[in-house]
N, C-alpha and C. Protein backbone atom coordinates (compact mmCIF):
# COMPACT_ATOMS: atom_id res chain seq x y z
N MET A 1 109.20 96.51 105.33
CA MET A 1 107.82 96.22 105.66
C MET A 1 107.52 96.84 107.03
N SER A 2 106.36 97.45 107.15
CA SER A 2 105.97 98.06 108.42
C SER A 2 104.80 97.30 109.03
N VAL A 3 104.49 97.62 110.25
CA VAL A 3 103.38 96.98 110.96
C VAL A 3 102.08 97.12 110.17
N THR A 4 101.85 98.27 109.58
CA THR A 4 100.59 98.49 108.87
C THR A 4 100.47 97.64 107.61
N ASP A 5 101.58 97.04 107.16
CA ASP A 5 101.51 96.16 105.99
C ASP A 5 100.86 94.82 106.33
N TYR A 6 100.82 94.46 107.60
CA TYR A 6 100.23 93.17 107.95
C TYR A 6 99.27 93.25 109.13
N VAL A 7 98.64 94.40 109.29
CA VAL A 7 97.64 94.58 110.36
C VAL A 7 96.39 93.78 110.03
N ASN A 8 95.84 93.20 111.06
CA ASN A 8 94.61 92.42 110.91
C ASN A 8 93.70 92.82 112.08
N TRP A 9 92.63 93.51 111.78
CA TRP A 9 91.70 93.99 112.80
C TRP A 9 90.62 92.96 113.10
N SER A 10 90.78 91.71 112.73
CA SER A 10 89.71 90.73 112.81
C SER A 10 89.23 90.43 114.23
N ALA A 11 89.99 90.78 115.25
CA ALA A 11 89.54 90.56 116.63
C ALA A 11 88.44 91.55 117.02
N PHE A 12 88.25 92.57 116.22
CA PHE A 12 87.25 93.60 116.50
C PHE A 12 85.98 93.34 115.70
N PRO A 13 84.84 93.85 116.18
CA PRO A 13 83.60 93.71 115.42
C PRO A 13 83.77 94.27 114.01
N ALA A 14 83.19 93.61 113.04
CA ALA A 14 83.37 93.97 111.63
C ALA A 14 83.06 95.44 111.33
N ASN A 15 81.99 95.97 111.90
CA ASN A 15 81.59 97.34 111.60
C ASN A 15 82.50 98.39 112.22
N SER A 16 83.41 97.98 113.10
CA SER A 16 84.31 98.94 113.75
C SER A 16 85.67 99.04 113.05
N ARG A 17 85.98 98.09 112.21
CA ARG A 17 87.33 97.99 111.64
C ARG A 17 87.71 99.19 110.78
N HIS A 18 86.76 99.73 110.06
CA HIS A 18 87.05 100.88 109.20
C HIS A 18 87.52 102.08 110.04
N CYS A 19 86.83 102.36 111.12
CA CYS A 19 87.21 103.49 111.98
C CYS A 19 88.59 103.26 112.59
N LEU A 20 88.82 102.06 113.10
CA LEU A 20 90.11 101.74 113.71
C LEU A 20 91.25 101.93 112.72
N ASP A 21 91.10 101.38 111.53
CA ASP A 21 92.16 101.44 110.53
C ASP A 21 92.37 102.86 110.02
N TYR A 22 91.28 103.55 109.74
CA TYR A 22 91.36 104.91 109.20
C TYR A 22 92.15 105.83 110.13
N TYR A 23 91.79 105.85 111.41
CA TYR A 23 92.47 106.76 112.33
C TYR A 23 93.85 106.26 112.74
N ALA A 24 94.08 104.95 112.71
CA ALA A 24 95.42 104.43 112.98
C ALA A 24 96.39 104.92 111.91
N ARG A 25 95.97 104.89 110.67
CA ARG A 25 96.83 105.36 109.58
C ARG A 25 97.05 106.86 109.66
N ARG A 26 96.06 107.60 110.11
CA ARG A 26 96.21 109.06 110.24
C ARG A 26 97.07 109.46 111.43
N ALA A 27 97.28 108.54 112.37
CA ALA A 27 98.08 108.86 113.57
C ALA A 27 99.56 109.01 113.25
N SER A 28 100.00 108.50 112.11
CA SER A 28 101.41 108.60 111.69
C SER A 28 102.37 108.08 112.75
N CYS A 29 102.06 106.94 113.33
CA CYS A 29 102.92 106.34 114.35
C CYS A 29 104.10 105.63 113.70
N ASP A 30 105.13 105.41 114.49
CA ASP A 30 106.29 104.64 114.06
C ASP A 30 105.81 103.20 113.85
N THR A 31 105.96 102.69 112.66
CA THR A 31 105.47 101.35 112.35
C THR A 31 106.60 100.34 112.18
N SER A 32 107.76 100.65 112.72
CA SER A 32 108.89 99.74 112.56
C SER A 32 108.76 98.48 113.41
N SER A 33 107.95 98.54 114.47
CA SER A 33 107.72 97.35 115.31
C SER A 33 106.33 97.42 115.92
N VAL A 34 105.82 96.27 116.33
CA VAL A 34 104.50 96.22 116.96
C VAL A 34 104.52 97.05 118.24
N TYR A 35 105.59 96.93 119.03
CA TYR A 35 105.66 97.66 120.29
C TYR A 35 105.59 99.18 120.06
N SER A 36 106.39 99.69 119.13
CA SER A 36 106.40 101.14 118.91
C SER A 36 105.06 101.62 118.38
N TRP A 37 104.43 100.81 117.55
CA TRP A 37 103.12 101.19 117.02
C TRP A 37 102.08 101.16 118.13
N ASN A 38 102.10 100.11 118.95
CA ASN A 38 101.19 100.02 120.08
C ASN A 38 101.40 101.18 121.04
N TYR A 39 102.65 101.47 121.33
CA TYR A 39 102.95 102.54 122.27
C TYR A 39 102.30 103.85 121.79
N CYS A 40 102.43 104.12 120.52
CA CYS A 40 101.86 105.33 119.94
C CYS A 40 100.33 105.32 120.03
N LEU A 41 99.70 104.25 119.55
CA LEU A 41 98.24 104.21 119.52
C LEU A 41 97.64 104.11 120.93
N CYS A 42 98.20 103.28 121.78
CA CYS A 42 97.66 103.10 123.13
C CYS A 42 97.81 104.35 123.99
N ASN A 43 98.74 105.23 123.59
CA ASN A 43 98.91 106.51 124.28
C ASN A 43 98.08 107.62 123.65
N ASN A 44 97.18 107.24 122.77
CA ASN A 44 96.24 108.16 122.14
C ASN A 44 96.93 109.23 121.28
N SER A 45 98.04 108.86 120.66
CA SER A 45 98.73 109.79 119.77
C SER A 45 97.80 110.20 118.64
N ALA A 46 97.87 111.46 118.29
CA ALA A 46 97.00 112.05 117.27
C ALA A 46 95.53 111.79 117.59
N ASN A 47 95.24 111.60 118.87
CA ASN A 47 93.87 111.36 119.35
C ASN A 47 93.23 110.16 118.68
N TRP A 48 94.06 109.13 118.39
CA TRP A 48 93.55 107.93 117.72
C TRP A 48 92.37 107.32 118.47
N ILE A 49 92.49 107.17 119.77
CA ILE A 49 91.44 106.53 120.56
C ILE A 49 90.17 107.39 120.54
N ASP A 50 90.32 108.68 120.78
CA ASP A 50 89.15 109.58 120.82
C ASP A 50 88.47 109.67 119.44
N ASN A 51 89.27 109.83 118.38
CA ASN A 51 88.70 109.92 117.04
C ASN A 51 87.98 108.63 116.65
N THR A 52 88.57 107.50 117.01
CA THR A 52 87.93 106.22 116.72
C THR A 52 86.61 106.11 117.47
N ALA A 53 86.57 106.59 118.70
CA ALA A 53 85.34 106.54 119.49
C ALA A 53 84.22 107.35 118.82
N VAL A 54 84.55 108.55 118.35
CA VAL A 54 83.55 109.39 117.69
C VAL A 54 83.04 108.70 116.42
N CYS A 55 83.96 108.16 115.65
CA CYS A 55 83.59 107.45 114.42
C CYS A 55 82.69 106.26 114.73
N LEU A 56 83.07 105.48 115.74
CA LEU A 56 82.27 104.30 116.10
C LEU A 56 80.90 104.69 116.62
N ASN A 57 80.80 105.80 117.31
CA ASN A 57 79.50 106.23 117.82
C ASN A 57 78.53 106.45 116.67
N GLN A 58 79.05 106.79 115.51
CA GLN A 58 78.19 106.99 114.34
C GLN A 58 78.03 105.72 113.52
N GLU A 59 79.09 104.91 113.41
CA GLU A 59 79.06 103.74 112.53
C GLU A 59 78.72 102.42 113.23
N ASP A 60 79.03 102.30 114.52
CA ASP A 60 78.83 101.03 115.23
C ASP A 60 78.65 101.27 116.74
N PRO A 61 77.66 102.09 117.13
CA PRO A 61 77.52 102.46 118.54
C PRO A 61 77.27 101.30 119.49
N ASP A 62 76.69 100.22 119.00
CA ASP A 62 76.41 99.07 119.87
C ASP A 62 77.68 98.36 120.33
N ASN A 63 78.78 98.60 119.66
CA ASN A 63 80.03 97.90 119.99
C ASN A 63 81.09 98.80 120.62
N LEU A 64 80.71 99.97 121.09
CA LEU A 64 81.69 100.88 121.70
C LEU A 64 82.44 100.21 122.86
N GLU A 65 81.72 99.58 123.76
CA GLU A 65 82.37 98.96 124.92
C GLU A 65 83.20 97.76 124.51
N VAL A 66 82.71 96.96 123.57
CA VAL A 66 83.45 95.79 123.10
C VAL A 66 84.78 96.22 122.48
N VAL A 67 84.75 97.28 121.68
CA VAL A 67 85.97 97.76 121.03
C VAL A 67 86.96 98.26 122.08
N TRP A 68 86.49 99.03 123.07
CA TRP A 68 87.42 99.53 124.10
C TRP A 68 88.05 98.37 124.87
N VAL A 69 87.25 97.38 125.25
CA VAL A 69 87.79 96.23 125.99
C VAL A 69 88.83 95.50 125.15
N THR A 70 88.56 95.33 123.87
CA THR A 70 89.50 94.65 122.98
C THR A 70 90.79 95.46 122.84
N MET A 71 90.67 96.77 122.63
CA MET A 71 91.86 97.63 122.55
C MET A 71 92.66 97.53 123.84
N ASN A 72 91.98 97.58 124.96
CA ASN A 72 92.64 97.52 126.26
C ASN A 72 93.42 96.22 126.41
N LEU A 73 92.82 95.11 126.03
CA LEU A 73 93.50 93.81 126.13
C LEU A 73 94.76 93.77 125.28
N TYR A 74 94.69 94.26 124.05
CA TYR A 74 95.86 94.24 123.19
C TYR A 74 96.93 95.20 123.68
N CYS A 75 96.53 96.34 124.19
CA CYS A 75 97.52 97.28 124.72
C CYS A 75 98.23 96.67 125.93
N GLU A 76 97.47 96.05 126.83
CA GLU A 76 98.08 95.41 127.99
C GLU A 76 98.99 94.26 127.60
N ASP A 77 98.64 93.54 126.53
CA ASP A 77 99.42 92.39 126.10
C ASP A 77 100.84 92.77 125.68
N THR A 78 101.03 94.02 125.25
CA THR A 78 102.37 94.47 124.88
C THR A 78 102.93 95.47 125.89
N SER A 79 102.37 95.45 127.09
CA SER A 79 102.85 96.32 128.18
C SER A 79 102.82 97.80 127.80
N THR A 80 101.81 98.19 127.06
CA THR A 80 101.60 99.59 126.71
C THR A 80 100.17 99.95 127.09
N PRO A 81 99.91 100.12 128.39
CA PRO A 81 98.53 100.33 128.86
C PRO A 81 97.83 101.49 128.14
N ILE A 82 96.57 101.29 127.90
CA ILE A 82 95.75 102.31 127.25
C ILE A 82 95.58 103.49 128.21
N VAL A 83 95.69 104.70 127.68
CA VAL A 83 95.65 105.89 128.54
C VAL A 83 94.25 106.49 128.68
N VAL A 84 93.28 105.93 127.99
CA VAL A 84 91.92 106.45 128.02
C VAL A 84 91.04 105.40 128.72
N SER A 85 90.38 105.81 129.79
CA SER A 85 89.50 104.88 130.52
C SER A 85 88.23 104.62 129.70
N MET A 86 87.50 103.60 130.10
CA MET A 86 86.23 103.29 129.43
C MET A 86 85.29 104.49 129.49
N ASN A 87 85.21 105.15 130.65
CA ASN A 87 84.32 106.32 130.77
C ASN A 87 84.76 107.46 129.86
N GLU A 88 86.08 107.70 129.77
CA GLU A 88 86.59 108.75 128.88
C GLU A 88 86.30 108.40 127.42
N TRP A 89 86.43 107.12 127.09
CA TRP A 89 86.16 106.64 125.73
C TRP A 89 84.70 106.90 125.35
N LEU A 90 83.79 106.52 126.26
CA LEU A 90 82.36 106.71 125.99
C LEU A 90 82.02 108.20 125.93
N ASN A 91 82.65 109.01 126.77
CA ASN A 91 82.44 110.45 126.74
C ASN A 91 82.92 111.04 125.41
N ALA A 92 84.10 110.62 124.95
CA ALA A 92 84.62 111.10 123.67
C ALA A 92 83.70 110.68 122.53
N ALA A 93 83.17 109.47 122.61
CA ALA A 93 82.28 108.96 121.56
C ALA A 93 81.05 109.84 121.41
N ARG A 94 80.59 110.37 122.50
CA ARG A 94 79.37 111.20 122.49
C ARG A 94 79.69 112.68 122.34
N GLY A 95 80.94 112.97 121.94
CA GLY A 95 81.31 114.36 121.66
C GLY A 95 81.80 115.12 122.85
N GLY A 96 82.17 114.45 123.92
CA GLY A 96 82.62 115.13 125.13
C GLY A 96 84.08 115.53 125.13
N SER A 97 84.81 115.25 124.07
CA SER A 97 86.23 115.61 124.00
C SER A 97 86.41 116.76 123.03
N ASN A 98 87.28 117.69 123.37
CA ASN A 98 87.56 118.83 122.50
C ASN A 98 88.69 118.54 121.52
N THR A 99 89.27 117.36 121.60
CA THR A 99 90.46 117.07 120.79
C THR A 99 90.18 116.16 119.61
N VAL A 100 88.92 115.88 119.32
CA VAL A 100 88.63 114.92 118.27
C VAL A 100 88.61 115.56 116.90
N ASP A 101 88.90 114.75 115.90
CA ASP A 101 88.85 115.13 114.50
C ASP A 101 87.42 114.89 114.04
N THR A 102 86.74 115.93 113.62
CA THR A 102 85.34 115.77 113.23
C THR A 102 85.18 115.27 111.80
N THR A 103 86.29 115.10 111.08
CA THR A 103 86.24 114.56 109.73
C THR A 103 86.17 113.05 109.82
N LEU A 104 85.02 112.50 109.50
CA LEU A 104 84.85 111.05 109.57
C LEU A 104 85.22 110.42 108.24
N PRO A 105 85.73 109.21 108.28
CA PRO A 105 86.10 108.53 107.04
C PRO A 105 84.87 108.27 106.18
N ALA A 106 85.07 108.29 104.88
CA ALA A 106 83.96 108.05 103.96
C ALA A 106 83.90 106.59 103.58
N GLY A 107 82.95 105.87 104.15
CA GLY A 107 82.73 104.48 103.79
C GLY A 107 83.82 103.53 104.21
N PRO A 108 83.51 102.25 104.17
CA PRO A 108 84.48 101.25 104.58
C PRO A 108 85.69 101.20 103.65
N SER A 109 86.84 100.94 104.24
CA SER A 109 88.06 100.82 103.46
C SER A 109 88.17 99.39 102.95
N ALA A 110 89.25 99.14 102.25
CA ALA A 110 89.48 97.78 101.76
C ALA A 110 89.60 96.84 102.94
N THR A 111 89.30 95.59 102.70
CA THR A 111 89.39 94.58 103.75
C THR A 111 90.81 94.52 104.28
N PRO A 112 91.00 94.55 105.60
CA PRO A 112 92.34 94.47 106.16
C PRO A 112 93.04 93.19 105.71
N LYS A 113 94.34 93.26 105.59
CA LYS A 113 95.12 92.10 105.19
C LYS A 113 95.09 91.04 106.26
N GLN A 114 95.01 89.79 105.87
CA GLN A 114 95.00 88.68 106.81
C GLN A 114 96.42 88.18 107.00
N PRO A 115 96.89 88.05 108.22
CA PRO A 115 98.25 87.56 108.43
C PRO A 115 98.33 86.06 108.17
N ALA A 116 99.52 85.61 107.82
CA ALA A 116 99.73 84.18 107.62
C ALA A 116 99.72 83.45 108.95
N THR A 117 100.33 84.04 109.96
CA THR A 117 100.41 83.43 111.28
C THR A 117 100.06 84.48 112.32
N PRO A 118 98.83 84.48 112.86
CA PRO A 118 98.45 85.52 113.82
C PRO A 118 99.16 85.35 115.15
N ALA A 119 99.49 86.49 115.76
CA ALA A 119 100.05 86.52 117.10
C ALA A 119 99.35 87.65 117.83
N PRO A 120 98.69 87.40 118.96
CA PRO A 120 97.88 88.42 119.62
C PRO A 120 98.72 89.45 120.36
N ASN A 121 99.47 90.26 119.63
CA ASN A 121 100.28 91.27 120.30
C ASN A 121 100.22 92.60 119.59
N GLY A 122 99.19 92.83 118.80
CA GLY A 122 99.04 94.11 118.15
C GLY A 122 98.25 95.06 119.02
N PRO A 123 98.05 96.28 118.58
CA PRO A 123 97.36 97.28 119.38
C PRO A 123 95.87 97.08 119.37
N GLY A 124 95.48 95.93 119.29
CA GLY A 124 94.10 95.60 119.07
C GLY A 124 94.07 94.71 117.87
N PRO A 125 94.73 95.10 116.80
CA PRO A 125 94.73 94.18 115.68
C PRO A 125 95.73 93.06 115.93
N GLU A 126 95.43 91.90 115.35
CA GLU A 126 96.40 90.83 115.42
C GLU A 126 97.46 91.12 114.38
N THR A 127 98.67 90.72 114.63
CA THR A 127 99.75 90.96 113.69
C THR A 127 100.59 89.70 113.56
N THR A 128 101.39 89.68 112.53
CA THR A 128 102.33 88.58 112.40
C THR A 128 103.70 89.11 112.73
N THR A 129 104.57 88.24 113.17
CA THR A 129 105.93 88.68 113.43
C THR A 129 106.73 88.56 112.15
N LYS A 130 107.68 89.42 111.97
CA LYS A 130 108.53 89.37 110.79
C LYS A 130 109.45 88.17 110.90
N PRO A 131 109.74 87.51 109.78
CA PRO A 131 110.62 86.35 109.85
C PRO A 131 112.00 86.71 110.39
N ASP A 132 112.47 87.93 110.13
CA ASP A 132 113.80 88.32 110.58
C ASP A 132 113.79 89.04 111.92
N SER A 133 112.68 89.00 112.63
CA SER A 133 112.57 89.77 113.87
C SER A 133 113.26 89.11 115.05
N GLY A 134 113.70 87.88 114.91
CA GLY A 134 114.38 87.22 116.02
C GLY A 134 113.42 86.63 117.03
N GLY A 135 112.13 86.55 116.70
CA GLY A 135 111.17 85.92 117.60
C GLY A 135 110.63 86.90 118.63
N GLY A 136 110.11 86.35 119.67
CA GLY A 136 109.51 87.16 120.73
C GLY A 136 109.13 86.23 121.85
N GLY A 137 108.35 86.71 122.75
CA GLY A 137 107.94 85.89 123.88
C GLY A 137 106.58 85.28 123.63
N LEU A 138 106.15 84.53 124.60
CA LEU A 138 104.82 83.95 124.54
C LEU A 138 103.80 85.02 124.91
N SER A 139 102.63 84.94 124.31
CA SER A 139 101.56 85.86 124.66
C SER A 139 101.00 85.46 126.02
N THR A 140 100.22 86.33 126.61
CA THR A 140 99.60 86.05 127.90
C THR A 140 98.70 84.82 127.82
N SER A 141 97.93 84.70 126.74
CA SER A 141 97.04 83.54 126.62
C SER A 141 97.84 82.24 126.47
N ASP A 142 98.99 82.29 125.79
CA ASP A 142 99.84 81.10 125.69
C ASP A 142 100.37 80.70 127.06
N LYS A 143 100.79 81.68 127.84
CA LYS A 143 101.31 81.39 129.18
C LYS A 143 100.23 80.78 130.08
N ILE A 144 99.02 81.29 129.96
CA ILE A 144 97.91 80.75 130.76
C ILE A 144 97.63 79.32 130.34
N ALA A 145 97.62 79.06 129.03
CA ALA A 145 97.36 77.71 128.53
C ALA A 145 98.42 76.73 129.03
N ILE A 146 99.66 77.14 129.03
CA ILE A 146 100.73 76.27 129.53
C ILE A 146 100.58 76.07 131.04
N GLY A 147 100.30 77.15 131.75
CA GLY A 147 100.15 77.08 133.20
C GLY A 147 99.01 76.18 133.64
N VAL A 148 97.96 76.09 132.86
CA VAL A 148 96.83 75.23 133.18
C VAL A 148 97.07 73.82 132.61
N GLY A 149 97.57 73.75 131.41
CA GLY A 149 97.74 72.46 130.73
C GLY A 149 98.76 71.54 131.35
N VAL A 150 99.89 72.08 131.79
CA VAL A 150 100.94 71.22 132.36
C VAL A 150 100.46 70.51 133.63
N PRO A 151 99.93 71.22 134.63
CA PRO A 151 99.46 70.51 135.82
C PRO A 151 98.33 69.52 135.53
N VAL A 152 97.40 69.87 134.66
CA VAL A 152 96.30 68.96 134.33
C VAL A 152 96.86 67.70 133.68
N GLY A 153 97.79 67.86 132.76
CA GLY A 153 98.42 66.70 132.12
C GLY A 153 99.18 65.85 133.11
N PHE A 154 99.93 66.49 133.99
CA PHE A 154 100.71 65.76 135.00
C PHE A 154 99.80 64.93 135.90
N PHE A 155 98.76 65.56 136.42
CA PHE A 155 97.86 64.84 137.33
C PHE A 155 97.05 63.77 136.60
N SER A 156 96.77 63.96 135.33
CA SER A 156 96.09 62.92 134.55
C SER A 156 96.97 61.69 134.42
N ILE A 157 98.25 61.89 134.19
CA ILE A 157 99.20 60.78 134.07
C ILE A 157 99.32 60.04 135.41
N ILE A 158 99.42 60.79 136.50
CA ILE A 158 99.52 60.19 137.83
C ILE A 158 98.26 59.37 138.12
N ALA A 159 97.08 59.93 137.81
CA ALA A 159 95.83 59.21 138.05
C ALA A 159 95.77 57.93 137.22
N ALA A 160 96.25 57.97 135.99
CA ALA A 160 96.25 56.78 135.14
C ALA A 160 97.18 55.71 135.71
N ILE A 161 98.34 56.12 136.22
CA ILE A 161 99.29 55.17 136.81
C ILE A 161 98.70 54.53 138.07
N ILE A 162 98.08 55.32 138.92
CA ILE A 162 97.47 54.80 140.15
C ILE A 162 96.34 53.84 139.79
N THR A 163 95.52 54.20 138.82
CA THR A 163 94.42 53.32 138.40
C THR A 163 94.97 52.00 137.86
N TRP A 164 95.97 52.07 137.01
CA TRP A 164 96.60 50.87 136.46
C TRP A 164 97.18 50.02 137.59
N TRP A 165 97.86 50.65 138.54
CA TRP A 165 98.49 49.94 139.65
C TRP A 165 97.44 49.20 140.49
N LYS A 166 96.34 49.88 140.79
CA LYS A 166 95.28 49.26 141.58
C LYS A 166 94.63 48.10 140.84
N CYS A 167 94.43 48.26 139.54
CA CYS A 167 93.78 47.20 138.75
C CYS A 167 94.70 45.99 138.51
N CYS A 168 95.92 46.25 138.18
CA CYS A 168 96.80 45.17 137.74
C CYS A 168 97.72 44.63 138.85
N CYS A 169 98.24 45.49 139.63
CA CYS A 169 99.27 45.09 140.60
C CYS A 169 98.77 45.07 142.04
N GLY A 170 97.68 45.66 142.28
CA GLY A 170 97.19 45.79 143.65
C GLY A 170 96.47 44.57 144.15
N ARG A 171 96.14 43.63 143.28
CA ARG A 171 95.43 42.41 143.69
C ARG A 171 96.44 41.41 144.27
N SER A 172 96.20 40.96 145.43
CA SER A 172 97.13 39.99 146.04
C SER A 172 96.45 38.64 146.21
N ASN A 173 95.42 38.31 145.46
CA ASN A 173 94.71 37.04 145.55
C ASN A 173 95.46 35.96 144.84
């Protein structure tokens, strides 16, 4: 099973998914792991980022910036920074790149497969981890949730104990 067998582009605007999927498949990246696939796509292999920008400019121009921000977040989440800046992305979308594939995909593709258990570590698409992959680390959003949740929970417990102490044990009448 490869990464493309369980890709889920649902984090992206609906009208952009066809372009993302079409050019990702044409990039012929190593799909043996999420990291290797992200590394390939986030580094603009086969001009995936530029070609997707041109396609989106025709199919979903209102979401060009949203798609770039989402791609950037997913690339950063797997420590494979995107190599195309927002300005370069918008320039490529408007035909400013000489490296784009002018063959646009014909119509929307089949609905992307939905993963059983999403994990936000794909190249933009959410992916599931393979059962035999040996696990992985926590995502950035999970780490933030733990970092905020633990102190809030701790201080809530302390406040409850102090309140109980003042109400029940603090009276010396």
